[in-house]
Amino acid sequence: MSLIRARGLARSHPVPRRTLFERAQRRPALHPTDLDVAAGESLGIIGESGSGKSTLVRLLLGLDTPTEGTVTVDGREVDATASARSLHWLRRQTGLVFQDPYASLDPRMTAGQIVGEPLWALGIPGDRRARVREVLAQVRLDPEMADRYPHQFSGGQRQRIALARAIVHRPRILVGDEPVSALDVTVRAQILELLAELRASEELTLLVVSHDIGIVQHLCDTVAVMKDGRIVEHGTTTDVLLRPREDYTKALLAAIPVIPRTSP
C-alpha cells in the first residue's frame, strides 16, 4: 500500500469579476491528479514556476483544501478542513524544510527553541531538551549552539537548524520545498549530502520540490514532471532524465546550462 495516495486531486481559485454581471469563474492551479508515493521512496517534483508543484505538495500535506479529490496518508484520509488538533496525527508524520533559511526561522527564538517547537506543539513526551541536543548533533551543529539566535548563524547553519526542526519529532515523511536554492554552491553540496544521509539513517520518505534538476538527480529515485497544473511525465529518475518521452521534459533538460569545453 502507498504511504501517500492522491486520487482526482484538484485545486482551483476564483477569478475576480471585472463587471457586476460577469459570471463567476475559477482558474485551475492543479488539474485532477493521481499520485502514489511508496514508503521509503524519494520523489522529485520538477517544473517551471507556476506549474503546480507547490500546490500539489500543500494539498498532499493538508496545508490547503482541495477543490475535489482525496489524499490518504498511511491509509488515513486527510481532511484539510479539520481543526489543527485533529491533524496532529498528520503533522507527526511529516516534516518540512522551506526554501529561505533567513525567513523560515523566528529571529526572536533561540536555535534550541526553534528546533524543539514541534515537540511542544505536538505534545510529544520525553526529555525534549535532550532530543533537541541530539538532533542538532545529527545535523552537524554543536549542541552548545542551542542558546544562540538565528542572526548568529550562517545561511548553511540556519538551513541545518531548519532541517533539525523538520526531523526532531521523528516523522516518516520529509518534504523539501527548494531546500537548497538560497545557498551557495559549496554549502548546497553539504546540505544535499546531509539530506541523503538522513533519508537513509531515518528511513524517510522524501518529497523534493525543485526547479533544479541536478538536485533531483542527486536525491531522488523517481521524478514527476509538472506543467500547467498537470503531471506530464512520471517515472524513475534514470528513465525520465535520460530517456524523456514528453517534449516539455526534453525542453527542461535542454535548458540546463552547460559549460563548453575548451581546447587545451
C-alpha atoms as a PDB file:
ATOM      1  CA  MET A   1       0.000   0.000   0.000  1.00  0.00           C
ATOM      2  CA  SER A   2       1.220   3.505  -0.793  1.00  0.00           C
ATOM      3  CA  LEU A   3       2.224   5.705   2.117  1.00  0.00           C
ATOM      4  CA  ILE A   4       0.827   8.756   0.268  1.00  0.00           C
ATOM      5  CA  ARG A   5      -2.045   8.318  -2.161  1.00  0.00           C
ATOM      6  CA  ALA A   6      -3.864  11.042  -4.114  1.00  0.00           C
ATOM      7  CA  ARG A   7      -6.903  10.419  -6.309  1.00  0.00           C
ATOM      8  CA  GLY A   8      -8.503  13.053  -8.530  1.00  0.00           C
ATOM      9  CA  LEU A   9      -6.781  15.762  -6.520  1.00  0.00           C
ATOM     10  CA  ALA A  10      -7.525  19.240  -7.886  1.00  0.00           C
ATOM     11  CA  ARG A  11      -7.370  22.859  -6.798  1.00  0.00           C
ATOM     12  CA  SER A  12      -8.788  25.955  -8.435  1.00  0.00           C
ATOM     13  CA  HIS A  13      -9.071  29.583  -7.392  1.00  0.00           C
ATOM     14  CA  PRO A  14     -11.836  32.114  -8.100  1.00  0.00           C
ATOM     15  CA  VAL A  15     -11.097  34.731 -10.742  1.00  0.00           C
ATOM     16  CA  PRO A  16     -12.111  38.276  -9.698  1.00  0.00           C
ATOM     17  CA  ARG A  17     -15.076  39.592 -11.682  1.00  0.00           C
ATOM     18  CA  ARG A  18     -14.367  42.549 -13.930  1.00  0.00           C
ATOM     19  CA  THR A  19     -18.033  43.602 -14.008  1.00  0.00           C
ATOM     20  CA  LEU A  20     -21.018  43.058 -11.737  1.00  0.00           C
ATOM     21  CA  PHE A  21     -22.790  40.925 -14.340  1.00  0.00           C
ATOM     22  CA  GLU A  22     -19.877  38.701 -15.320  1.00  0.00           C
ATOM     23  CA  ARG A  23     -20.276  35.035 -14.442  1.00  0.00           C
ATOM     24  CA  ALA A  24     -18.070  33.689 -11.672  1.00  0.00           C
ATOM     25  CA  GLN A  25     -15.096  31.742 -12.977  1.00  0.00           C
ATOM     26  CA  ARG A  26     -12.277  29.693 -11.478  1.00  0.00           C
ATOM     27  CA  ARG A  27      -8.672  29.265 -12.561  1.00  0.00           C
ATOM     28  CA  PRO A  28      -7.200  25.778 -12.093  1.00  0.00           C
ATOM     29  CA  ALA A  29      -3.913  25.597 -10.174  1.00  0.00           C
ATOM     30  CA  LEU A  30      -3.949  21.782 -10.225  1.00  0.00           C
ATOM     31  CA  HIS A  31      -5.994  19.644 -12.577  1.00  0.00           C
ATOM     32  CA  PRO A  32      -7.333  16.278 -11.315  1.00  0.00           C
ATOM     33  CA  THR A  33      -4.220  14.308 -10.409  1.00  0.00           C
ATOM     34  CA  ASP A  34      -3.467  10.769  -9.235  1.00  0.00           C
ATOM     35  CA  LEU A  35      -0.216  10.067  -7.408  1.00  0.00           C
ATOM     36  CA  ASP A  36       1.211   7.265  -5.272  1.00  0.00           C
ATOM     37  CA  VAL A  37       4.330   7.545  -3.125  1.00  0.00           C
ATOM     38  CA  ALA A  38       5.631   4.350  -1.528  1.00  0.00           C
ATOM     39  CA  ALA A  39       7.160   4.218   1.941  1.00  0.00           C
ATOM     40  CA  GLY A  40      10.883   4.906   1.659  1.00  0.00           C
ATOM     41  CA  GLU A  41      10.587   6.393  -1.831  1.00  0.00           C
ATOM     42  CA  SER A  42      12.349   9.620  -2.767  1.00  0.00           C
ATOM     43  CA  LEU A  43      10.220  11.605  -5.232  1.00  0.00           C
ATOM     44  CA  GLY A  44      11.339  14.759  -7.010  1.00  0.00           C
ATOM     45  CA  ILE A  45       8.680  17.122  -8.363  1.00  0.00           C
ATOM     46  CA  ILE A  46      10.070  19.410 -11.052  1.00  0.00           C
ATOM     47  CA  GLY A  47       8.715  22.035 -13.418  1.00  0.00           C
ATOM     48  CA  GLU A  48       8.728  25.733 -14.128  1.00  0.00           C
ATOM     49  CA  SER A  49       7.390  28.341 -11.716  1.00  0.00           C
ATOM     50  CA  GLY A  50       3.601  28.189 -11.715  1.00  0.00           C
ATOM     51  CA  SER A  51       3.498  24.568 -12.882  1.00  0.00           C
ATOM     52  CA  GLY A  52       1.608  23.445  -9.769  1.00  0.00           C
ATOM     53  CA  LYS A  53       4.471  21.845  -7.797  1.00  0.00           C
ATOM     54  CA  SER A  54       3.908  23.651  -4.513  1.00  0.00           C
ATOM     55  CA  THR A  55       0.122  23.447  -4.853  1.00  0.00           C
ATOM     56  CA  LEU A  56       0.327  19.667  -5.166  1.00  0.00           C
ATOM     57  CA  VAL A  57       2.591  19.325  -2.113  1.00  0.00           C
ATOM     58  CA  ARG A  58       0.455  21.642   0.017  1.00  0.00           C
ATOM     59  CA  LEU A  59      -2.581  19.510  -0.769  1.00  0.00           C
ATOM     60  CA  LEU A  60      -0.734  16.280  -0.004  1.00  0.00           C
ATOM     61  CA  LEU A  61       0.254  17.690   3.409  1.00  0.00           C
ATOM     62  CA  GLY A  62      -3.176  19.052   4.290  1.00  0.00           C
ATOM     63  CA  LEU A  63      -1.948  22.647   4.193  1.00  0.00           C
ATOM     64  CA  ASP A  64      -4.579  23.601   1.624  1.00  0.00           C
ATOM     65  CA  THR A  65      -8.082  22.339   0.843  1.00  0.00           C
ATOM     66  CA  PRO A  66      -8.647  20.595  -2.500  1.00  0.00           C
ATOM     67  CA  THR A  67     -11.477  21.667  -4.748  1.00  0.00           C
ATOM     68  CA  GLU A  68     -12.028  17.982  -5.425  1.00  0.00           C
ATOM     69  CA  GLY A  69     -10.339  14.641  -4.868  1.00  0.00           C
ATOM     70  CA  THR A  70      -8.837  12.893  -1.849  1.00  0.00           C
ATOM     71  CA  VAL A  71      -5.491  12.359  -0.138  1.00  0.00           C
ATOM     72  CA  THR A  72      -4.672   9.493   2.202  1.00  0.00           C
ATOM     73  CA  VAL A  73      -1.505   9.158   4.274  1.00  0.00           C
ATOM     74  CA  ASP A  74      -0.767   5.720   5.699  1.00  0.00           C
ATOM     75  CA  GLY A  75      -4.322   4.693   4.837  1.00  0.00           C
ATOM     76  CA  ARG A  76      -5.956   7.614   6.680  1.00  0.00           C
ATOM     77  CA  GLU A  77      -7.802  10.322   4.768  1.00  0.00           C
ATOM     78  CA  VAL A  78      -6.522  13.877   5.126  1.00  0.00           C
ATOM     79  CA  ASP A  79      -9.238  16.411   5.905  1.00  0.00           C
ATOM     80  CA  ALA A  80      -7.698  19.836   5.439  1.00  0.00           C
ATOM     81  CA  THR A  81     -10.845  21.474   6.856  1.00  0.00           C
ATOM     82  CA  ALA A  82     -10.359  19.762  10.221  1.00  0.00           C
ATOM     83  CA  SER A  83      -9.049  21.599  13.261  1.00  0.00           C
ATOM     84  CA  ALA A  84      -5.323  21.913  13.835  1.00  0.00           C
ATOM     85  CA  ARG A  85      -5.521  19.479  16.754  1.00  0.00           C
ATOM     86  CA  SER A  86      -7.376  16.938  14.608  1.00  0.00           C
ATOM     87  CA  LEU A  87      -4.453  16.986  12.168  1.00  0.00           C
ATOM     88  CA  HIS A  88      -1.769  16.316  14.792  1.00  0.00           C
ATOM     89  CA  TRP A  89      -1.539  12.737  13.510  1.00  0.00           C
ATOM     90  CA  LEU A  90      -0.503  14.078  10.098  1.00  0.00           C
ATOM     91  CA  ARG A  91       1.899  16.692  11.469  1.00  0.00           C
ATOM     92  CA  ARG A  92       3.661  13.934  13.429  1.00  0.00           C
ATOM     93  CA  GLN A  93       4.131  12.039  10.179  1.00  0.00           C
ATOM     94  CA  THR A  94       5.609  14.962   8.241  1.00  0.00           C
ATOM     95  CA  GLY A  95       8.493  17.426   8.451  1.00  0.00           C
ATOM     96  CA  LEU A  96       9.072  20.435   6.182  1.00  0.00           C
ATOM     97  CA  VAL A  97      12.175  22.315   5.084  1.00  0.00           C
ATOM     98  CA  PHE A  98      11.458  25.597   3.330  1.00  0.00           C
ATOM     99  CA  GLN A  99      13.457  27.478   0.729  1.00  0.00           C
ATOM    100  CA  ASP A 100      14.758  30.507   2.603  1.00  0.00           C
ATOM    101  CA  PRO A 101      16.758  29.824   5.789  1.00  0.00           C
ATOM    102  CA  TYR A 102      16.643  33.540   6.594  1.00  0.00           C
ATOM    103  CA  ALA A 103      12.845  33.873   6.506  1.00  0.00           C
ATOM    104  CA  SER A 104      11.809  30.477   7.899  1.00  0.00           C
ATOM    105  CA  LEU A 105      13.330  30.943  11.376  1.00  0.00           C
ATOM    106  CA  ASP A 106      11.806  33.221  14.033  1.00  0.00           C
ATOM    107  CA  PRO A 107      14.532  35.753  14.955  1.00  0.00           C
ATOM    108  CA  ARG A 108      13.098  36.078  18.492  1.00  0.00           C
ATOM    109  CA  MET A 109      13.641  32.392  19.293  1.00  0.00           C
ATOM    110  CA  THR A 110      16.887  30.585  20.059  1.00  0.00           C
ATOM    111  CA  ALA A 111      18.005  27.693  17.894  1.00  0.00           C
ATOM    112  CA  GLY A 112      17.020  25.277  20.646  1.00  0.00           C
ATOM    113  CA  GLN A 113      13.526  26.753  20.896  1.00  0.00           C
ATOM    114  CA  ILE A 114      13.112  26.639  17.106  1.00  0.00           C
ATOM    115  CA  VAL A 115      14.221  23.023  16.825  1.00  0.00           C
ATOM    116  CA  GLY A 116      12.159  21.901  19.813  1.00  0.00           C
ATOM    117  CA  GLU A 117       8.971  23.714  18.792  1.00  0.00           C
ATOM    118  CA  PRO A 118       7.354  20.637  17.131  1.00  0.00           C
ATOM    119  CA  LEU A 119       7.927  18.579  20.280  1.00  0.00           C
ATOM    120  CA  TRP A 120       5.958  21.040  22.401  1.00  0.00           C
ATOM    121  CA  ALA A 121       3.343  21.831  19.738  1.00  0.00           C
ATOM    122  CA  LEU A 122       2.554  18.158  19.122  1.00  0.00           C
ATOM    123  CA  GLY A 123       2.742  17.172  22.784  1.00  0.00           C
ATOM    124  CA  ILE A 124       5.472  14.596  22.224  1.00  0.00           C
ATOM    125  CA  PRO A 125       6.591  13.151  25.578  1.00  0.00           C
ATOM    126  CA  GLY A 126      10.143  12.515  26.763  1.00  0.00           C
ATOM    127  CA  ASP A 127      13.202  14.615  27.509  1.00  0.00           C
ATOM    128  CA  ARG A 128      12.670  17.290  24.888  1.00  0.00           C
ATOM    129  CA  ARG A 129      15.827  19.261  25.627  1.00  0.00           C
ATOM    130  CA  ALA A 130      17.934  16.139  25.268  1.00  0.00           C
ATOM    131  CA  ARG A 131      16.232  15.353  21.964  1.00  0.00           C
ATOM    132  CA  VAL A 132      16.989  18.876  20.692  1.00  0.00           C
ATOM    133  CA  ARG A 133      20.670  18.469  21.539  1.00  0.00           C
ATOM    134  CA  GLU A 134      20.692  15.042  19.904  1.00  0.00           C
ATOM    135  CA  VAL A 135      19.216  16.272  16.626  1.00  0.00           C
ATOM    136  CA  LEU A 136      21.485  19.335  16.482  1.00  0.00           C
ATOM    137  CA  ALA A 137      24.443  16.969  16.605  1.00  0.00           C
ATOM    138  CA  GLN A 138      22.760  14.829  13.954  1.00  0.00           C
ATOM    139  CA  VAL A 139      22.765  17.761  11.502  1.00  0.00           C
ATOM    140  CA  ARG A 140      26.381  18.512  12.445  1.00  0.00           C
ATOM    141  CA  LEU A 141      25.865  21.519  14.661  1.00  0.00           C
ATOM    142  CA  ASP A 142      27.416  21.877  18.100  1.00  0.00           C
ATOM    143  CA  PRO A 143      24.622  21.270  20.659  1.00  0.00           C
ATOM    144  CA  GLU A 144      26.103  24.153  22.681  1.00  0.00           C
ATOM    145  CA  MET A 145      24.786  26.447  19.927  1.00  0.00           C
ATOM    146  CA  ALA A 146      21.218  25.843  21.122  1.00  0.00           C
ATOM    147  CA  ASP A 147      21.177  29.143  23.029  1.00  0.00           C
ATOM    148  CA  ARG A 148      22.190  31.260  20.036  1.00  0.00           C
ATOM    149  CA  TYR A 149      19.776  33.253  17.876  1.00  0.00           C
ATOM    150  CA  PRO A 150      19.346  32.896  14.081  1.00  0.00           C
ATOM    151  CA  HIS A 151      21.314  36.067  13.269  1.00  0.00           C
ATOM    152  CA  GLN A 152      24.379  34.444  14.840  1.00  0.00           C
ATOM    153  CA  PHE A 153      24.433  31.647  12.243  1.00  0.00           C
ATOM    154  CA  SER A 154      25.467  31.483   8.591  1.00  0.00           C
ATOM    155  CA  GLY A 155      22.971  30.589   5.875  1.00  0.00           C
ATOM    156  CA  GLY A 156      24.085  26.972   5.765  1.00  0.00           C
ATOM    157  CA  GLN A 157      23.868  26.672   9.546  1.00  0.00           C
ATOM    158  CA  ARG A 158      20.371  28.144   9.507  1.00  0.00           C
ATOM    159  CA  GLN A 159      19.267  25.548   6.988  1.00  0.00           C
ATOM    160  CA  ARG A 160      20.711  22.850   9.246  1.00  0.00           C
ATOM    161  CA  ILE A 161      18.594  24.273  12.073  1.00  0.00           C
ATOM    162  CA  ALA A 162      15.541  24.154   9.784  1.00  0.00           C
ATOM    163  CA  LEU A 163      16.368  20.553   8.918  1.00  0.00           C
ATOM    164  CA  ALA A 164      16.783  19.661  12.602  1.00  0.00           C
ATOM    165  CA  ARG A 165      13.347  21.165  13.313  1.00  0.00           C
ATOM    166  CA  ALA A 166      11.865  19.099  10.475  1.00  0.00           C
ATOM    167  CA  ILE A 167      13.130  15.764  11.856  1.00  0.00           C
ATOM    168  CA  VAL A 168      13.132  16.359  15.624  1.00  0.00           C
ATOM    169  CA  HIS A 169       9.741  14.621  16.078  1.00  0.00           C
ATOM    170  CA  ARG A 170      10.890  11.600  14.016  1.00  0.00           C
ATOM    171  CA  PRO A 171       8.486  11.974  11.055  1.00  0.00           C
ATOM    172  CA  ARG A 172       8.125   9.342   8.356  1.00  0.00           C
ATOM    173  CA  ILE A 173       7.883  11.900   5.531  1.00  0.00           C
ATOM    174  CA  LEU A 174      10.334  14.745   4.892  1.00  0.00           C
ATOM    175  CA  VAL A 175       9.394  17.458   2.409  1.00  0.00           C
ATOM    176  CA  GLY A 176      11.881  19.945   0.966  1.00  0.00           C
ATOM    177  CA  ASP A 177      10.469  22.902  -0.977  1.00  0.00           C
ATOM    178  CA  GLU A 178      13.515  24.206  -2.882  1.00  0.00           C
ATOM    179  CA  PRO A 179      15.564  23.312   0.213  1.00  0.00           C
ATOM    180  CA  VAL A 180      18.969  24.471  -1.067  1.00  0.00           C
ATOM    181  CA  SER A 181      18.225  27.060  -3.745  1.00  0.00           C
ATOM    182  CA  ALA A 182      19.061  30.008  -1.451  1.00  0.00           C
ATOM    183  CA  LEU A 183      22.501  28.623  -0.576  1.00  0.00           C
ATOM    184  CA  ASP A 184      25.841  28.990  -2.315  1.00  0.00           C
ATOM    185  CA  VAL A 185      27.276  26.058  -4.245  1.00  0.00           C
ATOM    186  CA  THR A 186      29.622  24.697  -1.575  1.00  0.00           C
ATOM    187  CA  VAL A 187      27.049  24.803   1.223  1.00  0.00           C
ATOM    188  CA  ARG A 188      24.404  23.389  -1.115  1.00  0.00           C
ATOM    189  CA  ALA A 189      26.509  20.270  -1.683  1.00  0.00           C
ATOM    190  CA  GLN A 190      26.919  19.781   2.070  1.00  0.00           C
ATOM    191  CA  ILE A 191      23.176  20.071   2.743  1.00  0.00           C
ATOM    192  CA  LEU A 192      22.354  17.668  -0.107  1.00  0.00           C
ATOM    193  CA  GLU A 193      24.782  15.125   1.331  1.00  0.00           C
ATOM    194  CA  LEU A 194      23.208  15.557   4.756  1.00  0.00           C
ATOM    195  CA  LEU A 195      19.705  15.071   3.331  1.00  0.00           C
ATOM    196  CA  ALA A 196      20.782  11.864   1.634  1.00  0.00           C
ATOM    197  CA  GLU A 197      22.352  10.559   4.849  1.00  0.00           C
ATOM    198  CA  LEU A 198      19.299  11.417   6.962  1.00  0.00           C
ATOM    199  CA  ARG A 199      16.985   9.793   4.468  1.00  0.00           C
ATOM    200  CA  ALA A 200      18.944   6.546   4.763  1.00  0.00           C
ATOM    201  CA  SER A 201      19.540   6.585   8.538  1.00  0.00           C
ATOM    202  CA  GLU A 202      15.986   7.657   9.463  1.00  0.00           C
ATOM    203  CA  GLU A 203      14.301   5.576   6.715  1.00  0.00           C
ATOM    204  CA  LEU A 204      12.456   8.660   5.500  1.00  0.00           C
ATOM    205  CA  THR A 205      10.100   9.023   2.584  1.00  0.00           C
ATOM    206  CA  LEU A 206      11.371  12.123   0.775  1.00  0.00           C
ATOM    207  CA  LEU A 207       9.484  14.632  -1.376  1.00  0.00           C
ATOM    208  CA  VAL A 208      11.652  17.275  -3.042  1.00  0.00           C
ATOM    209  CA  VAL A 209      10.138  20.221  -4.915  1.00  0.00           C
ATOM    210  CA  SER A 210      12.711  21.901  -7.132  1.00  0.00           C
ATOM    211  CA  HIS A 211      13.379  23.575 -10.446  1.00  0.00           C
ATOM    212  CA  ASP A 212      16.982  22.343 -10.177  1.00  0.00           C
ATOM    213  CA  ILE A 213      17.178  19.007 -11.977  1.00  0.00           C
ATOM    214  CA  GLY A 214      20.655  18.338 -10.583  1.00  0.00           C
ATOM    215  CA  ILE A 215      19.277  18.277  -7.034  1.00  0.00           C
ATOM    216  CA  VAL A 216      16.552  15.832  -8.013  1.00  0.00           C
ATOM    217  CA  GLN A 217      19.085  13.644  -9.810  1.00  0.00           C
ATOM    218  CA  HIS A 218      21.233  13.545  -6.669  1.00  0.00           C
ATOM    219  CA  LEU A 219      18.462  12.797  -4.153  1.00  0.00           C
ATOM    220  CA  CYS A 220      15.527  11.122  -5.867  1.00  0.00           C
ATOM    221  CA  ASP A 221      14.598   7.636  -7.082  1.00  0.00           C
ATOM    222  CA  THR A 222      11.580   8.845  -9.045  1.00  0.00           C
ATOM    223  CA  VAL A 223      10.560  12.080 -10.759  1.00  0.00           C
ATOM    224  CA  ALA A 224       7.221  13.728 -11.566  1.00  0.00           C
ATOM    225  CA  VAL A 225       7.382  16.489 -14.178  1.00  0.00           C
ATOM    226  CA  MET A 226       4.649  19.134 -13.905  1.00  0.00           C
ATOM    227  CA  LYS A 227       3.342  21.608 -16.468  1.00  0.00           C
ATOM    228  CA  ASP A 228       0.282  23.862 -16.216  1.00  0.00           C
ATOM    229  CA  GLY A 229      -1.091  22.041 -13.179  1.00  0.00           C
ATOM    230  CA  ARG A 230      -0.652  18.521 -14.570  1.00  0.00           C
ATOM    231  CA  ILE A 231       1.865  15.717 -14.145  1.00  0.00           C
ATOM    232  CA  VAL A 232       3.005  15.228 -17.735  1.00  0.00           C
ATOM    233  CA  GLU A 233       5.687  12.606 -17.059  1.00  0.00           C
ATOM    234  CA  HIS A 234       6.369  10.300 -14.120  1.00  0.00           C
ATOM    235  CA  GLY A 235       8.925   7.522 -13.747  1.00  0.00           C
ATOM    236  CA  THR A 236      12.304   6.559 -12.393  1.00  0.00           C
ATOM    237  CA  THR A 237      14.900   9.321 -12.314  1.00  0.00           C
ATOM    238  CA  THR A 238      17.070   7.453 -14.806  1.00  0.00           C
ATOM    239  CA  ASP A 239      14.250   6.954 -17.308  1.00  0.00           C
ATOM    240  CA  VAL A 240      12.843  10.478 -17.080  1.00  0.00           C
ATOM    241  CA  LEU A 241      16.166  12.327 -17.209  1.00  0.00           C
ATOM    242  CA  LEU A 242      17.997  10.112 -19.695  1.00  0.00           C
ATOM    243  CA  ARG A 243      15.089   8.949 -21.855  1.00  0.00           C
ATOM    244  CA  PRO A 244      12.362  11.615 -21.591  1.00  0.00           C
ATOM    245  CA  ARG A 245       9.187  10.976 -23.574  1.00  0.00           C
ATOM    246  CA  GLU A 246       7.492  14.375 -23.394  1.00  0.00           C
ATOM    247  CA  ASP A 247       8.632  17.404 -25.379  1.00  0.00           C
ATOM    248  CA  TYR A 248       8.246  19.552 -22.269  1.00  0.00           C
ATOM    249  CA  THR A 249      10.641  17.350 -20.290  1.00  0.00           C
ATOM    250  CA  LYS A 250      13.115  17.445 -23.167  1.00  0.00           C
ATOM    251  CA  ALA A 251      12.891  21.235 -23.200  1.00  0.00           C
ATOM    252  CA  LEU A 252      13.537  21.406 -19.435  1.00  0.00           C
ATOM    253  CA  LEU A 253      16.609  19.226 -19.793  1.00  0.00           C
ATOM    254  CA  ALA A 254      17.844  21.190 -22.812  1.00  0.00           C
ATOM    255  CA  ALA A 255      17.638  24.395 -20.747  1.00  0.00           C
ATOM    256  CA  ILE A 256      20.246  23.181 -18.235  1.00  0.00           C
ATOM    257  CA  PRO A 257      23.323  25.384 -18.709  1.00  0.00           C
ATOM    258  CA  VAL A 258      26.467  23.563 -19.817  1.00  0.00           C
ATOM    259  CA  ILE A 259      29.972  24.989 -19.653  1.00  0.00           C
ATOM    260  CA  PRO A 260      31.517  24.394 -23.106  1.00  0.00           C
ATOM    261  CA  ARG A 261      34.797  22.551 -23.275  1.00  0.00           C
ATOM    262  CA  THR A 262      37.803  24.492 -24.442  1.00  0.00           C
ATOM    263  CA  SER A 263      40.818  23.152 -26.225  1.00  0.00           C
ATOM    264  CA  PRO A 264      43.963  22.759 -24.106  1.00  0.00           C
END
